[in-house]
Amino acid sequence: MRLSPAPKQPAKSILERSVGQKPGSLSVSRDALAPRLFLVSFDHDYYEAVEFTDYDALLEAFRSAPHARHWIDVRGYGNVPLLERIMADFQIHPLQMEDVINDYQRPKVEEGPNGLFIVSRMIAFLPDHTLDDDQLSIFTGDNYVLTFQSDYEDCLDTLRERIRVGKGSIRKKPVMYLAYAMLDVTLDYYFPAMAQLGEYAEELEDCLFEKPSKQLLSQILELKRVVVKIRRIVWPERDKINEILRMDESVVPHDLKIYFKDLYDHAVQLMDLIDNYRETTSSLTDLYLSNVSNRMNEVMKVLTIISTIFIPLSFIVGIYGMNFSRENPDGSTNPLNMPELYQPYGYVTLLGIMGIIVAGMLYYFYRKGWLTNQ
């Protein structure tokens, strides 16, 4: 997960999955990162964090300290044999490991023989106004938490620092508390993402009043898609936490459920926020269409006024363009045929009359308020 603007790797599409493959088969994308292995071991008065290049060395360090609590952090999926070894050593079901590798699962929780399998999603609203959405897969055991993620960067550095300095209760409470802390930090990062999304929505609203454009409409629709995506993430996140709260005390101790209850409250707050933003983005679309309609009405008003002004002028010009002759070939006159054609000041007089008509109409339109926004 990238918390700063960085080149984003192509997201794995659902369409890339092999159709008809055996359930539990492990297949990774071609651009999957090579795994990096981290082990954080801690206790009341003990702490050690090491990055291993050899899985056997990590496994030996893990097994050599059975009384400590461990966080085994695997980042990157680009080594299927290694993942198969981890799956065998920690008794992970092939279907669960398949969910890890596929890297897009809705937030959920499942009970396993050793503990829980939890899927969460880490999000960040990037400066280019797109959503960075990565999966965090968590397996809990008697004295360990095993996590998987496809990227090298995540939002858990603050948690690592808390473990390092011994801040809070992480190094004192059961290992399930570490799993809770991961979910808590992950969910906490939703709030700044939502705040940035709200600021961006306000910027778009300001731009709507200044100069609505098709590009602005596309930005609003893209923001709407982001809001819908976040809602699809937050909704099952809330259901997942609610399911944890209903689990037996042998799985989730009673004294830890109060922390998950607080986490549930955060998820409910996020649901309220995302519903508000969904209404905001819908209102932005309506506001854009309304502004475009108002601008079109202004244009039509100007064109209608111009057309209305030229109607009497065209009528007058049409009359004097009929070319009925005043004199006959034999020299006699037709008294009803445009005597003004032979007036010395007829042309100037007619222009003056037409000018007076235009001025009178403009004055009338002004008194009616049609030339202003009143």
Protein backbone atom coordinates (compact mmCIF):
# COMPACT_ATOMS: atom_id res chain seq x y z
CA MET A 1 0.00 0.00 0.00
CA ARG A 2 1.42 3.37 -1.02
CA LEU A 3 0.86 6.33 1.26
CA SER A 4 2.76 8.70 -1.03
CA PRO A 5 2.47 9.32 -4.79
CA ALA A 6 4.40 6.51 -6.39
CA PRO A 7 4.08 4.56 -9.65
CA LYS A 8 1.16 2.26 -9.08
CA GLN A 9 1.51 -1.32 -10.26
CA PRO A 10 -1.29 -2.66 -12.41
CA ALA A 11 -4.07 -3.95 -10.20
CA LYS A 12 -4.86 -7.61 -10.54
CA SER A 13 -8.13 -7.93 -12.32
CA ILE A 14 -10.72 -10.56 -11.55
CA LEU A 15 -10.62 -11.42 -15.24
CA GLU A 16 -7.05 -12.66 -14.85
CA ARG A 17 -8.14 -15.65 -12.83
CA SER A 18 -7.81 -18.96 -14.60
CA VAL A 19 -11.21 -20.39 -15.43
CA GLY A 20 -11.80 -23.96 -14.36
CA GLN A 21 -8.64 -24.40 -12.30
CA LYS A 22 -8.62 -26.78 -9.34
CA PRO A 23 -9.89 -25.22 -6.09
CA GLY A 24 -6.99 -24.29 -3.85
CA SER A 25 -4.52 -23.93 -6.71
CA LEU A 26 -1.93 -21.23 -6.19
CA SER A 27 -1.22 -19.06 -9.19
CA VAL A 28 0.25 -15.59 -8.95
CA SER A 29 0.33 -12.80 -11.48
CA ARG A 30 3.42 -12.27 -13.59
CA ASP A 31 4.17 -8.92 -11.95
CA ALA A 32 3.97 -10.26 -8.37
CA LEU A 33 6.76 -9.00 -6.13
CA ALA A 34 9.39 -11.34 -4.70
CA PRO A 35 8.51 -12.17 -1.07
CA ARG A 36 10.19 -10.31 1.76
CA LEU A 37 10.12 -12.07 5.14
CA PHE A 38 9.96 -10.18 8.43
CA LEU A 39 9.76 -11.52 11.96
CA VAL A 40 8.90 -9.31 14.93
CA SER A 41 9.25 -11.16 18.26
CA PHE A 42 8.32 -9.53 21.54
CA ASP A 43 7.33 -10.05 25.13
CA HIS A 44 7.02 -7.90 28.24
CA ASP A 45 10.73 -7.08 28.29
CA TYR A 46 11.89 -8.52 24.98
CA TYR A 47 11.82 -7.20 21.43
CA GLU A 48 13.51 -8.21 18.20
CA ALA A 49 12.69 -7.35 14.58
CA VAL A 50 14.59 -9.03 11.74
CA GLU A 51 14.18 -9.27 7.99
CA PHE A 52 15.16 -12.75 6.77
CA THR A 53 16.30 -13.70 3.30
CA ASP A 54 15.99 -17.40 4.14
CA TYR A 55 12.69 -18.91 5.23
CA ASP A 56 14.36 -21.73 7.16
CA ALA A 57 16.21 -19.19 9.29
CA LEU A 58 12.95 -17.36 10.02
CA LEU A 59 11.24 -20.62 10.95
CA GLU A 60 14.09 -21.57 13.27
CA ALA A 61 14.00 -18.18 15.00
CA PHE A 62 10.24 -18.46 15.39
CA ARG A 63 10.36 -21.96 16.87
CA SER A 64 13.28 -21.15 19.16
CA ALA A 65 11.17 -18.69 21.14
CA PRO A 66 7.88 -20.50 21.88
CA HIS A 67 7.09 -18.34 24.91
CA ALA A 68 7.33 -15.06 23.01
CA ARG A 69 4.72 -13.59 20.72
CA HIS A 70 5.55 -13.26 17.05
CA TRP A 71 4.44 -11.30 14.03
CA ILE A 72 5.45 -13.07 10.83
CA ASP A 73 5.06 -10.61 7.97
CA VAL A 74 5.21 -11.86 4.36
CA ARG A 75 5.18 -9.13 1.71
CA GLY A 76 5.03 -10.22 -1.91
CA TYR A 77 3.63 -13.35 -3.57
CA GLY A 78 6.19 -13.98 -6.31
CA ASN A 79 7.40 -17.39 -5.00
CA VAL A 80 4.76 -20.12 -5.06
CA PRO A 81 6.98 -22.91 -3.57
CA LEU A 82 7.73 -20.67 -0.59
CA LEU A 83 4.04 -19.94 -0.11
CA GLU A 84 3.30 -23.66 -0.23
CA ARG A 85 5.87 -24.29 2.51
CA ILE A 86 4.34 -21.57 4.69
CA MET A 87 0.92 -23.04 4.05
CA ALA A 88 2.09 -26.47 5.21
CA ASP A 89 4.07 -25.26 8.25
CA PHE A 90 1.23 -23.12 9.62
CA GLN A 91 -1.60 -25.48 8.60
CA ILE A 92 -3.31 -23.03 6.27
CA HIS A 93 -6.10 -24.48 4.18
CA PRO A 94 -5.42 -24.33 0.42
CA LEU A 95 -8.68 -22.46 -0.18
CA GLN A 96 -7.66 -19.81 2.34
CA MET A 97 -4.24 -19.45 0.75
CA GLU A 98 -5.96 -19.15 -2.62
CA ASP A 99 -7.99 -16.26 -1.18
CA VAL A 100 -4.72 -14.65 -0.05
CA ILE A 101 -3.06 -15.00 -3.45
CA ASN A 102 -6.06 -13.81 -5.46
CA ASP A 103 -5.58 -10.53 -3.59
CA TYR A 104 -9.10 -9.27 -3.92
CA GLN A 105 -11.41 -10.63 -1.28
CA ARG A 106 -14.11 -8.73 0.49
CA PRO A 107 -13.37 -8.22 4.20
CA LYS A 108 -14.29 -11.38 6.10
CA VAL A 109 -13.35 -13.64 9.02
CA GLU A 110 -13.22 -17.43 9.20
CA GLU A 111 -12.43 -19.81 12.03
CA GLY A 112 -9.64 -22.32 11.44
CA PRO A 113 -7.96 -25.11 13.39
CA ASN A 114 -5.30 -22.77 14.81
CA GLY A 115 -7.20 -19.51 15.05
CA LEU A 116 -8.81 -16.95 12.76
CA PHE A 117 -8.36 -16.09 9.11
CA ILE A 118 -9.13 -12.39 8.65
CA VAL A 119 -9.18 -10.38 5.46
CA SER A 120 -9.03 -6.59 5.63
CA ARG A 121 -8.49 -3.94 3.02
CA MET A 122 -6.03 -1.08 3.35
CA ILE A 123 -7.02 2.06 1.47
CA ALA A 124 -5.47 5.44 0.76
CA PHE A 125 -6.81 8.35 -1.29
CA LEU A 126 -3.89 9.29 -3.53
CA PRO A 127 -2.98 12.81 -4.73
CA ASP A 128 -4.16 11.91 -8.24
CA HIS A 129 -7.64 11.38 -6.70
CA THR A 130 -7.62 7.61 -7.17
CA LEU A 131 -8.04 4.95 -4.51
CA ASP A 132 -5.16 2.67 -3.56
CA ASP A 133 -6.74 -0.51 -2.27
CA ASP A 134 -4.61 -3.42 -1.02
CA GLN A 135 -5.48 -6.59 0.83
CA LEU A 136 -4.16 -7.54 4.25
CA SER A 137 -4.60 -11.23 5.10
CA ILE A 138 -4.18 -12.20 8.76
CA PHE A 139 -3.84 -15.65 10.33
CA THR A 140 -3.78 -15.98 14.11
CA GLY A 141 -2.29 -18.80 16.16
CA ASP A 142 -1.46 -19.58 19.77
CA ASN A 143 1.58 -17.29 19.89
CA TYR A 144 1.78 -15.70 16.48
CA VAL A 145 0.06 -13.54 13.90
CA LEU A 146 0.92 -14.31 10.27
CA THR A 147 0.17 -11.59 7.71
CA PHE A 148 0.31 -11.56 3.92
CA GLN A 149 0.21 -8.60 1.54
CA SER A 150 1.15 -8.12 -2.08
CA ASP A 151 3.06 -4.84 -1.67
CA TYR A 152 6.15 -3.93 0.29
CA GLU A 153 4.61 -0.79 1.79
CA ASP A 154 1.61 -0.64 4.08
CA CYS A 155 -0.05 1.44 6.79
CA LEU A 156 1.24 -0.61 9.74
CA ASP A 157 4.49 1.25 10.43
CA THR A 158 2.89 3.06 13.38
CA LEU A 159 1.97 -0.32 14.85
CA ARG A 160 5.53 -1.60 14.39
CA GLU A 161 6.82 1.48 16.18
CA ARG A 162 4.39 0.95 19.06
CA ILE A 163 5.65 -2.61 19.47
CA ARG A 164 9.26 -1.45 19.30
CA VAL A 165 8.95 1.18 22.03
CA GLY A 166 6.56 -0.92 24.10
CA LYS A 167 3.86 1.74 23.95
CA GLY A 168 0.41 0.67 25.01
CA SER A 169 -0.68 -2.88 25.82
CA ILE A 170 0.48 -4.77 22.74
CA ARG A 171 3.47 -6.41 24.44
CA LYS A 172 1.41 -7.30 27.51
CA LYS A 173 -1.83 -8.66 26.09
CA PRO A 174 -2.54 -11.94 24.21
CA VAL A 175 -1.58 -12.29 20.59
CA MET A 176 -5.22 -11.77 19.54
CA TYR A 177 -4.79 -8.17 20.70
CA LEU A 178 -2.10 -7.76 18.04
CA ALA A 179 -4.62 -8.87 15.40
CA TYR A 180 -7.09 -6.33 16.79
CA ALA A 181 -4.40 -3.61 16.67
CA MET A 182 -3.78 -4.39 12.99
CA LEU A 183 -7.48 -4.05 12.20
CA ASP A 184 -7.66 -0.87 14.26
CA VAL A 185 -4.73 0.81 12.48
CA THR A 186 -6.06 -0.30 9.10
CA LEU A 187 -9.49 1.14 9.87
CA ASP A 188 -8.00 4.34 11.30
CA TYR A 189 -6.45 5.10 7.92
CA TYR A 190 -9.91 5.17 6.40
CA PHE A 191 -10.68 8.44 8.21
CA PRO A 192 -7.92 10.61 6.64
CA ALA A 193 -8.79 9.05 3.28
CA MET A 194 -12.41 10.07 3.82
CA ALA A 195 -11.33 13.57 4.86
CA GLN A 196 -9.26 13.98 1.69
CA LEU A 197 -12.18 12.68 -0.35
CA GLY A 198 -14.46 15.25 1.28
CA GLU A 199 -12.01 18.10 0.56
CA TYR A 200 -11.82 17.00 -3.07
CA ALA A 201 -15.62 16.95 -3.29
CA GLU A 202 -15.70 20.55 -1.98
CA GLU A 203 -13.13 21.58 -4.60
CA LEU A 204 -15.29 20.08 -7.33
CA GLU A 205 -18.33 21.89 -5.95
CA ASP A 206 -16.48 25.22 -6.09
CA CYS A 207 -15.39 24.52 -9.67
CA LEU A 208 -18.99 23.77 -10.61
CA PHE A 209 -20.03 27.34 -9.83
CA GLU A 210 -17.03 28.84 -11.63
CA LYS A 211 -16.86 26.87 -14.86
CA PRO A 212 -18.66 23.56 -15.36
CA SER A 213 -17.14 21.42 -18.10
CA LYS A 214 -17.23 17.88 -19.43
CA GLN A 215 -13.87 17.21 -17.79
CA LEU A 216 -15.33 18.28 -14.47
CA LEU A 217 -18.24 15.90 -14.99
CA SER A 218 -15.84 13.03 -15.62
CA GLN A 219 -14.02 13.90 -12.37
CA ILE A 220 -17.32 13.85 -10.47
CA LEU A 221 -18.25 10.48 -11.94
CA GLU A 222 -14.80 9.09 -11.08
CA LEU A 223 -15.22 10.35 -7.51
CA LYS A 224 -18.60 8.69 -7.39
CA ARG A 225 -17.03 5.39 -8.42
CA VAL A 226 -14.43 5.77 -5.66
CA VAL A 227 -17.17 6.40 -3.08
CA VAL A 228 -19.09 3.34 -4.24
CA LYS A 229 -15.91 1.24 -4.03
CA ILE A 230 -15.18 2.40 -0.48
CA ARG A 231 -18.75 1.61 0.50
CA ARG A 232 -18.35 -1.92 -0.88
CA ILE A 233 -15.30 -2.25 1.39
CA VAL A 234 -16.66 -0.67 4.57
CA TRP A 235 -19.96 -2.54 4.60
CA PRO A 236 -18.42 -6.06 4.86
CA GLU A 237 -15.76 -4.63 7.19
CA ARG A 238 -18.52 -3.80 9.64
CA ASP A 239 -20.11 -7.24 9.20
CA LYS A 240 -16.73 -8.90 9.77
CA ILE A 241 -16.21 -7.12 13.09
CA ASN A 242 -19.76 -7.92 14.14
CA GLU A 243 -19.10 -11.60 13.43
CA ILE A 244 -15.94 -11.48 15.58
CA LEU A 245 -18.01 -10.03 18.44
CA ARG A 246 -20.38 -13.01 18.23
CA MET A 247 -17.59 -15.60 18.40
CA ASP A 248 -17.09 -17.87 21.39
CA GLU A 249 -14.83 -16.68 24.19
CA SER A 250 -12.48 -19.57 23.50
CA VAL A 251 -11.71 -17.90 20.16
CA VAL A 252 -11.93 -14.23 21.14
CA PRO A 253 -11.54 -13.64 24.92
CA HIS A 254 -14.24 -11.61 26.58
CA ASP A 255 -11.81 -8.92 27.78
CA LEU A 256 -10.78 -8.29 24.17
CA LYS A 257 -14.28 -7.96 22.80
CA ILE A 258 -14.59 -4.46 24.21
CA TYR A 259 -11.80 -3.43 21.85
CA PHE A 260 -13.57 -5.01 18.89
CA LYS A 261 -16.76 -3.25 19.99
CA ASP A 262 -14.90 0.06 19.71
CA LEU A 263 -13.70 -1.05 16.28
CA TYR A 264 -17.30 -1.79 15.32
CA ASP A 265 -18.27 1.76 16.33
CA HIS A 266 -15.56 3.11 14.02
CA ALA A 267 -16.93 1.04 11.16
CA VAL A 268 -20.43 2.43 11.81
CA GLN A 269 -19.02 5.98 11.74
CA LEU A 270 -17.35 5.21 8.43
CA MET A 271 -20.65 3.92 7.05
CA ASP A 272 -22.32 7.19 8.03
CA LEU A 273 -19.53 9.18 6.37
CA ILE A 274 -19.58 7.17 3.17
CA ASP A 275 -23.38 7.48 2.92
CA ASN A 276 -23.04 11.26 3.31
CA TYR A 277 -20.38 11.38 0.61
CA ARG A 278 -22.47 9.23 -1.69
CA GLU A 279 -25.29 11.74 -1.36
CA THR A 280 -22.78 14.56 -1.92
CA THR A 281 -21.47 13.07 -5.15
CA SER A 282 -25.01 12.49 -6.39
CA SER A 283 -25.88 16.11 -5.59
CA LEU A 284 -22.72 17.23 -7.44
CA THR A 285 -23.94 15.44 -10.55
CA ASP A 286 -27.37 17.07 -10.21
CA LEU A 287 -25.71 20.44 -9.61
CA TYR A 288 -23.59 20.05 -12.74
CA LEU A 289 -26.64 19.23 -14.86
CA SER A 290 -28.52 22.14 -13.30
CA ASN A 291 -25.67 24.58 -14.00
CA VAL A 292 -25.35 23.38 -17.58
CA SER A 293 -29.11 23.76 -17.99
CA ASN A 294 -29.00 27.28 -16.51
CA ARG A 295 -26.15 28.27 -18.80
CA MET A 296 -28.06 26.89 -21.76
CA ASN A 297 -31.09 28.88 -20.68
CA GLU A 298 -28.95 32.05 -20.52
CA VAL A 299 -27.68 31.40 -24.04
CA MET A 300 -31.21 30.74 -25.29
CA LYS A 301 -32.42 33.94 -23.60
CA VAL A 302 -29.78 36.02 -25.39
CA LEU A 303 -30.55 34.40 -28.72
CA THR A 304 -34.29 34.86 -28.19
CA ILE A 305 -33.83 38.57 -27.38
CA ILE A 306 -31.72 39.06 -30.50
CA SER A 307 -34.28 37.22 -32.62
CA THR A 308 -37.13 39.23 -31.09
CA ILE A 309 -35.36 42.49 -31.85
CA PHE A 310 -34.86 41.56 -35.49
CA ILE A 311 -38.44 40.42 -36.07
CA PRO A 312 -39.93 43.93 -36.53
CA LEU A 313 -36.81 45.07 -38.41
CA SER A 314 -37.13 42.13 -40.79
CA PHE A 315 -40.81 42.94 -41.22
CA ILE A 316 -40.05 46.54 -42.18
CA VAL A 317 -37.19 45.58 -44.50
CA GLY A 318 -39.38 42.88 -46.06
CA ILE A 319 -42.09 45.39 -46.87
CA TYR A 320 -39.71 47.80 -48.57
CA GLY A 321 -38.06 44.96 -50.45
CA MET A 322 -41.21 43.96 -52.36
CA ASN A 323 -40.24 46.21 -55.32
CA PHE A 324 -43.76 47.32 -56.33
CA SER A 325 -43.19 50.11 -58.86
CA ARG A 326 -44.55 53.61 -58.15
CA GLU A 327 -44.75 54.50 -61.86
CA ASN A 328 -46.20 52.53 -64.74
CA PRO A 329 -44.42 52.24 -68.13
CA ASP A 330 -46.95 54.66 -69.67
CA GLY A 331 -45.98 57.31 -67.11
CA SER A 332 -49.05 56.99 -64.89
CA THR A 333 -48.61 56.57 -61.10
CA ASN A 334 -49.86 53.98 -58.62
CA PRO A 335 -50.75 56.07 -55.55
CA LEU A 336 -50.80 53.10 -53.14
CA ASN A 337 -47.35 51.75 -54.06
CA MET A 338 -44.76 52.97 -51.56
CA PRO A 339 -44.71 56.73 -51.97
CA GLU A 340 -41.81 56.83 -49.47
CA LEU A 341 -39.45 55.50 -52.12
CA TYR A 342 -39.26 59.00 -53.65
CA GLN A 343 -38.83 60.93 -50.42
CA PRO A 344 -35.38 62.60 -50.23
CA TYR A 345 -34.93 61.55 -46.59
CA GLY A 346 -36.89 58.31 -46.72
CA TYR A 347 -33.88 56.04 -46.19
CA VAL A 348 -32.57 58.00 -43.20
CA THR A 349 -36.07 58.28 -41.75
CA LEU A 350 -36.60 54.53 -42.03
CA LEU A 351 -33.26 53.82 -40.31
CA GLY A 352 -34.26 56.21 -37.52
CA ILE A 353 -37.59 54.48 -37.07
CA MET A 354 -35.84 51.11 -36.92
CA GLY A 355 -33.38 52.47 -34.32
CA ILE A 356 -36.25 53.77 -32.20
CA ILE A 357 -37.92 50.36 -32.36
CA VAL A 358 -34.70 48.64 -31.21
CA ALA A 359 -34.18 51.11 -28.36
CA GLY A 360 -37.81 50.80 -27.27
CA MET A 361 -37.62 47.02 -27.20
CA LEU A 362 -34.35 47.03 -25.24
CA TYR A 363 -35.86 49.44 -22.73
CA TYR A 364 -38.91 47.20 -22.40
CA PHE A 365 -36.74 44.10 -21.89
CA TYR A 366 -34.67 45.96 -19.29
CA ARG A 367 -37.77 47.04 -17.35
CA LYS A 368 -38.94 43.44 -17.36
CA GLY A 369 -35.56 42.29 -16.00
CA TRP A 370 -34.84 40.09 -19.00
CA LEU A 371 -31.46 41.71 -19.68
CA THR A 372 -30.25 41.06 -16.11
CA ASN A 373 -30.20 38.11 -13.70
CA GLN A 374 -32.92 39.65 -11.56
